[in-house]
Amino acid sequence: MHQPHDYVNQPHDYIPAAVIHDERRLRINWATAGAYITAALGLGIAIAVTALFLSYRGTVVTQMSQLRQALSTAQSAQSAQSKSDSSLSDLSGRVTGIDNALAALAPYSTVCSQDLTGPNGPAAFYFLCTDQKP
């Protein structure tokens, strides 16, 4: 059996130390806590970047559709402009012909009137005339 040790007569012997555990105090392992904090920050940054990417993508898709619509409108306006330009060049030739016809009428710069009787009775008629003999 185990004999009790006489600590008074044998002072140089090993004296066992009593270990007292204080259950109220929680010890923090700072390396583990730092790893958890770093992981939480990394997860938060990853979520923020993903959210920004998805919102940016939605914005870009919206802007691209607006740009396509504006391009389509500009192309149809350009097509209408080119049609208008060709019709203007056609009208230019017509206006030149009308100018020539009006030049022949230039001597008739006076407006004359004549009272005539027609199917509905007497009426005044107006026409271009000249005081020069053609």
Protein backbone atom coordinates (compact mmCIF):
# COMPACT_ATOMS: atom_id res chain seq x y z
CA MET A 1 0.00 0.00 0.00
CA HIS A 2 0.94 3.58 -0.37
CA GLN A 3 2.73 5.19 2.56
CA PRO A 4 2.05 8.83 3.27
CA HIS A 5 5.10 11.00 2.67
CA ASP A 6 6.67 12.87 5.53
CA TYR A 7 7.29 16.34 4.07
CA VAL A 8 8.54 17.80 7.31
CA ASN A 9 11.40 15.36 7.83
CA GLN A 10 12.27 15.01 4.17
CA PRO A 11 12.01 18.58 2.85
CA HIS A 12 13.94 18.02 -0.40
CA ASP A 13 11.51 15.56 -1.80
CA TYR A 14 9.13 16.43 -4.57
CA ILE A 15 6.04 18.16 -3.34
CA PRO A 16 3.09 17.77 -5.72
CA ALA A 17 1.50 21.07 -6.70
CA ALA A 18 -2.22 21.43 -6.64
CA VAL A 19 -3.73 22.63 -9.92
CA ILE A 20 -6.83 24.72 -9.44
CA HIS A 21 -9.05 25.17 -12.48
CA ASP A 22 -11.08 28.34 -12.46
CA GLU A 23 -14.16 27.48 -14.50
CA ARG A 24 -15.39 31.08 -14.57
CA ARG A 25 -12.56 32.40 -16.72
CA LEU A 26 -12.55 31.44 -20.39
CA ARG A 27 -9.18 31.49 -22.09
CA ILE A 28 -9.16 32.78 -25.69
CA ASN A 29 -6.91 31.19 -28.25
CA TRP A 30 -6.03 34.30 -30.25
CA ALA A 31 -4.67 32.40 -33.25
CA THR A 32 -7.99 30.59 -33.72
CA ALA A 33 -10.00 33.77 -33.12
CA GLY A 34 -7.87 35.61 -35.68
CA ALA A 35 -8.47 32.86 -38.23
CA TYR A 36 -12.24 33.03 -37.65
CA ILE A 37 -12.25 36.84 -37.94
CA THR A 38 -10.21 36.68 -41.17
CA ALA A 39 -12.55 34.04 -42.61
CA ALA A 40 -15.63 36.13 -41.72
CA LEU A 41 -14.12 39.24 -43.35
CA GLY A 42 -13.19 37.24 -46.46
CA LEU A 43 -16.71 35.83 -46.71
CA GLY A 44 -18.21 39.31 -46.34
CA ILE A 45 -15.93 40.71 -49.05
CA ALA A 46 -16.77 37.79 -51.36
CA ILE A 47 -20.51 38.39 -50.88
CA ALA A 48 -20.11 42.14 -51.51
CA VAL A 49 -18.05 41.57 -54.67
CA THR A 50 -20.58 39.04 -55.99
CA ALA A 51 -23.47 41.43 -55.31
CA LEU A 52 -21.67 44.29 -57.05
CA PHE A 53 -20.83 42.09 -60.03
CA LEU A 54 -24.42 40.94 -60.42
CA SER A 55 -25.82 44.48 -60.12
CA TYR A 56 -23.16 45.77 -62.55
CA ARG A 57 -24.07 43.02 -65.00
CA GLY A 58 -27.77 43.95 -64.81
CA THR A 59 -26.92 47.61 -65.35
CA VAL A 60 -24.72 46.79 -68.34
CA VAL A 61 -27.45 44.63 -69.90
CA THR A 62 -29.94 47.49 -69.50
CA GLN A 63 -27.52 50.02 -70.98
CA MET A 64 -26.71 47.71 -73.89
CA SER A 65 -30.40 47.31 -74.74
CA GLN A 66 -30.84 51.10 -74.60
CA LEU A 67 -27.78 51.50 -76.83
CA ARG A 68 -29.13 48.96 -79.34
CA GLN A 69 -32.48 50.78 -79.41
CA ALA A 70 -30.76 54.14 -79.95
CA LEU A 71 -28.62 52.62 -82.72
CA SER A 72 -31.69 51.18 -84.41
CA THR A 73 -33.43 54.57 -84.21
CA ALA A 74 -30.35 56.32 -85.61
CA GLN A 75 -30.09 53.83 -88.49
CA SER A 76 -33.76 54.24 -89.41
CA ALA A 77 -33.35 58.03 -89.23
CA GLN A 78 -30.30 57.80 -91.48
CA SER A 79 -32.24 55.63 -93.92
CA ALA A 80 -35.08 58.16 -93.95
CA GLN A 81 -32.53 60.96 -94.44
CA SER A 82 -30.97 59.22 -97.44
CA LYS A 83 -34.45 58.71 -98.95
CA SER A 84 -35.17 62.36 -98.27
CA ASP A 85 -31.89 63.38 -99.91
CA SER A 86 -32.69 61.38 -103.04
CA SER A 87 -36.18 62.85 -103.21
CA LEU A 88 -34.68 66.32 -102.74
CA SER A 89 -32.35 65.77 -105.68
CA ASP A 90 -35.36 64.65 -107.74
CA LEU A 91 -37.23 67.77 -106.67
CA SER A 92 -34.26 69.89 -107.67
CA GLY A 93 -34.70 68.81 -111.29
CA ARG A 94 -38.44 69.48 -111.11
CA VAL A 95 -37.90 72.95 -109.65
CA THR A 96 -35.52 73.77 -112.49
CA GLY A 97 -38.22 72.79 -115.00
CA ILE A 98 -40.78 74.91 -113.17
CA ASP A 99 -38.35 77.87 -113.12
CA ASN A 100 -38.03 77.64 -116.90
CA ALA A 101 -41.82 77.58 -117.28
CA LEU A 102 -42.22 80.55 -114.96
CA ALA A 103 -39.54 82.49 -116.85
CA ALA A 104 -41.76 82.25 -119.93
CA LEU A 105 -44.61 83.74 -117.89
CA ALA A 106 -42.49 86.57 -116.46
CA PRO A 107 -43.70 89.22 -118.93
CA TYR A 108 -47.26 88.62 -117.72
CA SER A 109 -46.89 90.45 -114.44
CA THR A 110 -50.21 92.30 -114.41
CA VAL A 111 -53.48 90.88 -113.18
CA CYS A 112 -56.46 91.68 -115.39
CA SER A 113 -60.12 91.00 -114.79
CA GLN A 114 -63.02 90.36 -117.12
CA ASP A 115 -66.72 90.16 -116.36
CA LEU A 116 -68.12 87.14 -118.09
CA THR A 117 -71.39 85.29 -117.97
CA GLY A 118 -71.11 81.58 -117.33
CA PRO A 119 -73.52 78.73 -116.64
CA ASN A 120 -74.09 80.05 -113.11
CA GLY A 121 -74.60 83.63 -114.21
CA PRO A 122 -72.32 86.66 -114.43
CA ALA A 123 -68.96 86.54 -112.58
CA ALA A 124 -65.61 88.36 -112.53
CA PHE A 125 -62.62 86.32 -113.77
CA TYR A 126 -58.96 87.24 -113.05
CA PHE A 127 -55.95 86.28 -115.15
CA LEU A 128 -52.37 87.33 -115.83
CA CYS A 129 -51.85 89.76 -118.63
CA THR A 130 -49.23 92.12 -120.08
CA ASP A 131 -49.28 95.54 -121.59
CA GLN A 132 -46.66 94.52 -124.15
CA LYS A 133 -47.32 92.78 -127.37
CA PRO A 134 -45.63 89.37 -127.47
